[in-house]
């Protein structure tokens, strides 16, 4: 099985690549910048910047030239900003969408013709609780995940007759040992020190540290799903399971209470799941 994992230079993407390679799959990971040292993972890294169409096309063409096919595409590439709706600039939101939405569209559009020619394949898009619940101070991120879920669901119906499966993974905060902010997440530039936006970052860091869900657990679930004969459209994990039912059945005041808890110090979603 030939697997292409975007955003595999660190975080969840690198764990997923290790897991799939460990199960005997041929894995290619992608990163905007290739590491100075090679051989740190049991899979090859290729350069791809999902915000550059030429880079995406070249990477897909390279994999097909080497292997003749791409059986599975897993989109782990992910960016995140934290900030109140009025704090974030349009440029900051646009940049996030370029990676989390338009970048995923770009890579899917390059890979779908390959899968169609070979008679099938699987596309896995990594969502999160942010694709289920709009969270204060995370409007850019959660709206992008809502968009990703809608795009994925529409694509699921469009390509089913071509033998192509589309799967939306919905993990929650994963216990990844890394700084609260960094390349994967930053606070918007207009957020003042001590603002609710900065407090949200601190809450997310606590939730990440306390999470029962590890990247290895999610990676094993992805590995299981892509080998199923009949693949589900959505795969909620941990707290995403009850939240899915809550969103369908609970009255709005219950949802409001849940969201206020997130904004005032309750559990927060660490959407940096890649």
Protein backbone atom coordinates (compact mmCIF):
# COMPACT_ATOMS: atom_id res chain seq x y z
CA UNK A 1 0.00 0.00 0.00
CA UNK A 2 1.42 3.38 -1.05
CA UNK A 3 0.56 6.17 1.41
CA UNK A 4 1.19 9.90 1.10
CA UNK A 5 1.06 11.78 4.42
CA UNK A 6 1.10 15.58 4.26
CA UNK A 7 2.52 17.52 7.19
CA UNK A 8 4.72 14.65 8.37
CA UNK A 9 7.73 16.59 9.63
CA UNK A 10 6.56 16.57 13.25
CA UNK A 11 3.64 16.14 15.61
CA UNK A 12 0.92 13.69 14.68
CA UNK A 13 1.95 13.42 11.03
CA UNK A 14 5.37 12.00 11.88
CA UNK A 15 3.86 9.51 14.35
CA UNK A 16 1.35 8.40 11.72
CA UNK A 17 4.10 7.92 9.15
CA UNK A 18 6.11 5.83 11.62
CA UNK A 19 3.06 3.71 12.46
CA UNK A 20 2.07 3.00 8.87
CA UNK A 21 5.64 2.24 7.81
CA UNK A 22 5.94 -0.08 10.80
CA UNK A 23 2.97 -2.03 9.45
CA UNK A 24 4.73 -2.61 6.14
CA UNK A 25 3.20 0.21 4.11
CA UNK A 26 5.31 2.32 1.77
CA UNK A 27 5.01 5.83 3.18
CA UNK A 28 6.03 9.20 1.77
CA UNK A 29 5.79 12.17 4.10
CA UNK A 30 5.77 15.81 3.08
CA UNK A 31 7.08 19.02 4.60
CA UNK A 32 7.51 22.61 3.46
CA UNK A 33 11.18 22.39 4.37
CA UNK A 34 13.08 19.13 4.29
CA UNK A 35 15.12 18.38 7.44
CA UNK A 36 18.88 18.81 7.28
CA UNK A 37 19.36 15.25 8.43
CA UNK A 38 17.72 12.28 6.76
CA UNK A 39 16.87 8.86 8.07
CA UNK A 40 15.14 9.96 11.27
CA UNK A 41 11.96 8.15 10.22
CA UNK A 42 11.36 4.83 8.43
CA UNK A 43 9.82 6.70 5.50
CA UNK A 44 11.06 9.17 2.92
CA UNK A 45 10.31 12.87 3.21
CA UNK A 46 9.46 14.94 0.13
CA UNK A 47 9.13 18.69 -0.16
CA UNK A 48 5.60 20.00 -0.55
CA UNK A 49 4.09 23.35 0.33
CA UNK A 50 0.32 22.97 0.03
CA UNK A 51 -0.02 26.70 -0.55
CA UNK A 52 2.06 26.39 -3.74
CA UNK A 53 0.18 24.52 -6.50
CA UNK A 54 3.38 23.82 -8.42
CA UNK A 55 4.95 22.25 -5.35
CA UNK A 56 1.92 20.00 -4.79
CA UNK A 57 1.82 18.90 -8.42
CA UNK A 58 5.55 18.11 -8.45
CA UNK A 59 5.35 16.05 -5.27
CA UNK A 60 2.40 13.96 -6.46
CA UNK A 61 4.09 13.44 -9.82
CA UNK A 62 7.25 12.29 -8.03
CA UNK A 63 5.42 9.67 -5.96
CA UNK A 64 3.53 8.35 -8.98
CA UNK A 65 6.75 8.17 -11.00
CA UNK A 66 8.37 6.09 -8.25
CA UNK A 67 5.47 3.83 -7.29
CA UNK A 68 2.95 4.03 -10.14
CA UNK A 69 0.07 4.75 -7.74
CA UNK A 70 -1.11 6.40 -4.53
CA UNK A 71 -3.44 4.20 -2.52
CA UNK A 72 -3.98 6.48 0.48
CA UNK A 73 -3.68 10.21 1.03
CA UNK A 74 -3.74 11.43 4.64
CA UNK A 75 -3.97 15.21 5.05
CA UNK A 76 -2.32 16.06 8.37
CA UNK A 77 -1.14 19.54 7.38
CA UNK A 78 -2.58 21.98 9.88
CA UNK A 79 -2.15 25.53 11.12
CA UNK A 80 -3.86 27.29 14.00
CA UNK A 81 -4.33 30.80 15.30
CA UNK A 82 -5.92 31.87 18.57
CA UNK A 83 -7.61 35.24 18.84
CA UNK A 84 -10.91 36.99 19.42
CA UNK A 85 -12.95 37.65 16.30
CA UNK A 86 -12.07 41.37 16.34
CA UNK A 87 -8.40 40.80 17.19
CA UNK A 88 -7.58 38.66 14.19
CA UNK A 89 -6.76 40.34 10.90
CA UNK A 90 -8.24 39.24 7.60
CA UNK A 91 -4.72 38.40 6.43
CA UNK A 92 -4.19 36.08 9.42
CA UNK A 93 -7.46 34.28 8.75
CA UNK A 94 -6.71 34.10 5.03
CA UNK A 95 -3.30 32.55 5.70
CA UNK A 96 -4.86 29.89 7.92
CA UNK A 97 -7.43 29.06 5.24
CA UNK A 98 -4.67 28.82 2.63
CA UNK A 99 -3.21 25.90 4.57
CA UNK A 100 -6.17 24.21 6.26
CA UNK A 101 -8.74 24.54 3.48
CA UNK A 102 -7.32 25.58 0.12
CA UNK A 103 -4.18 23.50 0.65
CA UNK A 104 -6.27 20.39 1.28
CA UNK A 105 -8.36 21.14 -1.82
CA UNK A 106 -5.17 21.48 -3.88
CA UNK A 107 -3.65 18.17 -2.83
CA UNK A 108 -6.95 16.30 -3.16
CA UNK A 109 -7.47 17.66 -6.67
CA UNK A 110 -4.01 16.43 -7.64
CA UNK A 111 -4.46 12.95 -6.14
CA UNK A 112 -8.05 12.18 -7.17
CA UNK A 113 -7.23 11.71 -10.89
CA UNK A 114 -4.45 9.30 -9.90
CA UNK A 115 -6.84 7.26 -7.76
CA UNK A 116 -9.51 7.34 -10.44
CA UNK A 117 -7.11 5.96 -13.06
CA UNK A 118 -5.97 3.16 -10.77
CA UNK A 119 -9.54 2.21 -9.87
CA UNK A 120 -9.81 3.51 -6.31
CA UNK A 121 -8.11 4.79 -3.20
CA UNK A 122 -8.71 6.44 0.16
CA UNK A 123 -8.50 10.09 1.23
CA UNK A 124 -8.29 10.77 4.97
CA UNK A 125 -8.76 14.35 6.15
CA UNK A 126 -7.83 15.13 9.75
CA UNK A 127 -10.50 17.22 11.47
CA UNK A 128 -11.01 17.62 15.23
CA UNK A 129 -13.55 18.78 17.79
CA UNK A 130 -13.13 22.11 16.00
CA UNK A 131 -15.12 20.61 13.14
CA UNK A 132 -18.04 19.94 15.49
CA UNK A 133 -18.17 22.99 17.75
CA UNK A 134 -17.43 26.66 17.10
CA UNK A 135 -15.24 27.75 20.01
CA UNK A 136 -14.70 31.34 21.21
CA UNK A 137 -11.26 32.77 20.38
CA UNK A 138 -10.89 30.03 17.77
CA UNK A 139 -13.31 31.27 15.12
CA UNK A 140 -10.76 31.11 12.30
CA UNK A 141 -9.63 27.59 13.14
CA UNK A 142 -13.04 26.09 13.86
CA UNK A 143 -14.64 27.68 10.79
CA UNK A 144 -11.85 26.20 8.67
CA UNK A 145 -12.54 22.77 10.17
CA UNK A 146 -16.27 23.21 9.52
CA UNK A 147 -15.37 23.97 5.89
CA UNK A 148 -13.07 20.95 5.72
CA UNK A 149 -15.84 18.67 6.97
CA UNK A 150 -18.35 20.03 4.44
CA UNK A 151 -15.89 19.74 1.57
CA UNK A 152 -14.96 16.21 2.61
CA UNK A 153 -18.58 15.10 2.89
CA UNK A 154 -19.47 16.49 -0.53
CA UNK A 155 -16.36 14.84 -2.01
CA UNK A 156 -17.34 11.55 -0.33
CA UNK A 157 -20.53 11.50 -2.41
CA UNK A 158 -18.88 12.71 -5.62
CA UNK A 159 -16.14 10.09 -5.85
CA UNK A 160 -17.88 7.06 -4.36
CA UNK A 161 -18.71 5.71 -7.83
CA UNK A 162 -14.99 5.84 -8.69
CA UNK A 163 -14.13 3.51 -5.82
CA UNK A 164 -12.56 6.34 -3.80
CA UNK A 165 -13.32 6.50 -0.09
CA UNK A 166 -13.24 9.73 1.92
CA UNK A 167 -12.80 9.56 5.70
CA UNK A 168 -12.97 12.41 8.23
CA UNK A 169 -11.01 11.69 11.40
CA UNK A 170 -12.20 13.59 14.49
CA UNK A 171 -9.68 13.23 17.32
CA UNK A 172 -9.59 15.48 20.38
CA UNK A 173 -6.60 17.02 22.16
CA UNK A 174 -3.64 14.68 21.82
CA UNK A 175 -0.91 14.44 24.44
CA UNK A 176 1.95 15.77 22.31
CA UNK A 177 5.04 17.01 24.12
CA UNK A 178 5.74 20.40 22.54
CA UNK A 179 5.50 24.10 23.45
CA UNK A 180 2.05 25.67 23.78
CA UNK A 181 2.82 27.96 20.85
CA UNK A 182 5.18 27.51 17.93
CA UNK A 183 5.08 26.60 14.26
CA UNK A 184 1.78 24.75 14.76
CA UNK A 185 -0.03 27.50 16.70
CA UNK A 186 0.30 31.19 17.45
CA UNK A 187 -1.71 33.97 19.04
CA UNK A 188 -2.87 36.70 16.67
CA UNK A 189 -0.68 39.80 16.61
CA UNK A 190 -3.33 42.18 17.99
CA UNK A 191 -4.06 40.09 21.11
CA UNK A 192 -2.84 41.96 24.17
CA UNK A 193 -0.93 40.27 26.96
CA UNK A 194 -3.25 38.75 29.55
CA UNK A 195 -6.20 38.77 27.15
CA UNK A 196 -8.73 35.92 26.96
CA UNK A 197 -6.93 34.77 23.83
CA UNK A 198 -3.71 34.16 25.79
CA UNK A 199 -5.71 32.46 28.55
CA UNK A 200 -7.22 30.13 25.95
CA UNK A 201 -3.74 29.06 24.88
CA UNK A 202 -2.87 28.25 28.50
CA UNK A 203 -6.07 26.19 28.87
CA UNK A 204 -5.28 24.31 25.68
CA UNK A 205 -1.80 23.49 26.97
CA UNK A 206 -3.30 22.07 30.17
CA UNK A 207 -5.81 20.01 28.20
CA UNK A 208 -3.07 18.64 25.99
CA UNK A 209 -0.97 17.61 28.98
CA UNK A 210 -3.98 15.92 30.62
CA UNK A 211 -5.30 14.18 27.51
CA UNK A 212 -5.79 10.44 27.54
CA UNK A 213 -5.52 10.31 23.75
CA UNK A 214 -2.03 9.89 22.32
CA UNK A 215 -0.85 10.38 18.73
CA UNK A 216 0.00 6.67 18.67
CA UNK A 217 -3.60 5.77 19.53
CA UNK A 218 -4.95 7.97 16.74
CA UNK A 219 -2.37 6.68 14.28
CA UNK A 220 -3.34 3.07 15.01
CA UNK A 221 -6.99 3.96 14.44
CA UNK A 222 -6.16 5.57 11.09
CA UNK A 223 -4.18 2.46 10.12
CA UNK A 224 -7.15 0.30 11.03
CA UNK A 225 -9.65 2.44 9.11
CA UNK A 226 -7.70 2.59 5.85
CA UNK A 227 -7.55 -1.21 5.71
CA UNK A 228 -11.30 -1.70 6.16
CA UNK A 229 -13.35 -2.91 3.21
CA UNK A 230 -16.17 -0.54 4.15
CA UNK A 231 -14.86 2.73 5.52
CA UNK A 232 -16.94 5.16 7.62
CA UNK A 233 -17.31 8.78 6.55
CA UNK A 234 -16.58 10.07 10.06
CA UNK A 235 -14.50 8.55 12.84
CA UNK A 236 -15.06 10.45 16.12
CA UNK A 237 -12.65 9.63 18.91
CA UNK A 238 -12.83 10.09 22.68
CA UNK A 239 -14.93 13.19 23.59
CA UNK A 240 -15.93 13.71 19.97
CA UNK A 241 -18.29 10.72 20.24
CA UNK A 242 -20.68 12.15 22.85
CA UNK A 243 -20.34 15.65 21.38
CA UNK A 244 -21.60 14.35 18.03
CA UNK A 245 -24.79 13.14 19.71
CA UNK A 246 -25.05 16.28 21.82
CA UNK A 247 -24.96 18.51 18.75
CA UNK A 248 -27.76 16.50 17.15
CA UNK A 249 -30.08 16.15 20.12
CA UNK A 250 -29.40 18.80 22.77
CA UNK A 251 -31.33 22.11 22.92
CA UNK A 252 -29.37 25.27 22.20
CA UNK A 253 -29.12 26.33 25.85
CA UNK A 254 -27.13 23.15 26.58
CA UNK A 255 -24.73 23.96 23.74
CA UNK A 256 -24.47 27.55 25.02
CA UNK A 257 -23.54 26.32 28.49
CA UNK A 258 -20.86 24.06 27.03
CA UNK A 259 -19.37 26.86 24.93
CA UNK A 260 -19.37 29.27 27.89
CA UNK A 261 -17.42 26.68 29.84
CA UNK A 262 -14.80 26.62 27.10
CA UNK A 263 -14.54 30.41 27.12
CA UNK A 264 -14.45 30.76 30.92
CA UNK A 265 -12.02 28.05 31.87
CA UNK A 266 -13.55 24.68 31.06
CA UNK A 267 -11.92 22.09 28.85
CA UNK A 268 -10.58 23.58 25.64
CA UNK A 269 -9.93 21.90 22.35
CA UNK A 270 -6.30 21.53 21.36
CA UNK A 271 -6.96 21.55 17.68
CA UNK A 272 -3.27 21.26 16.93
CA UNK A 273 -3.75 17.59 16.10
CA UNK A 274 -1.06 17.40 13.48
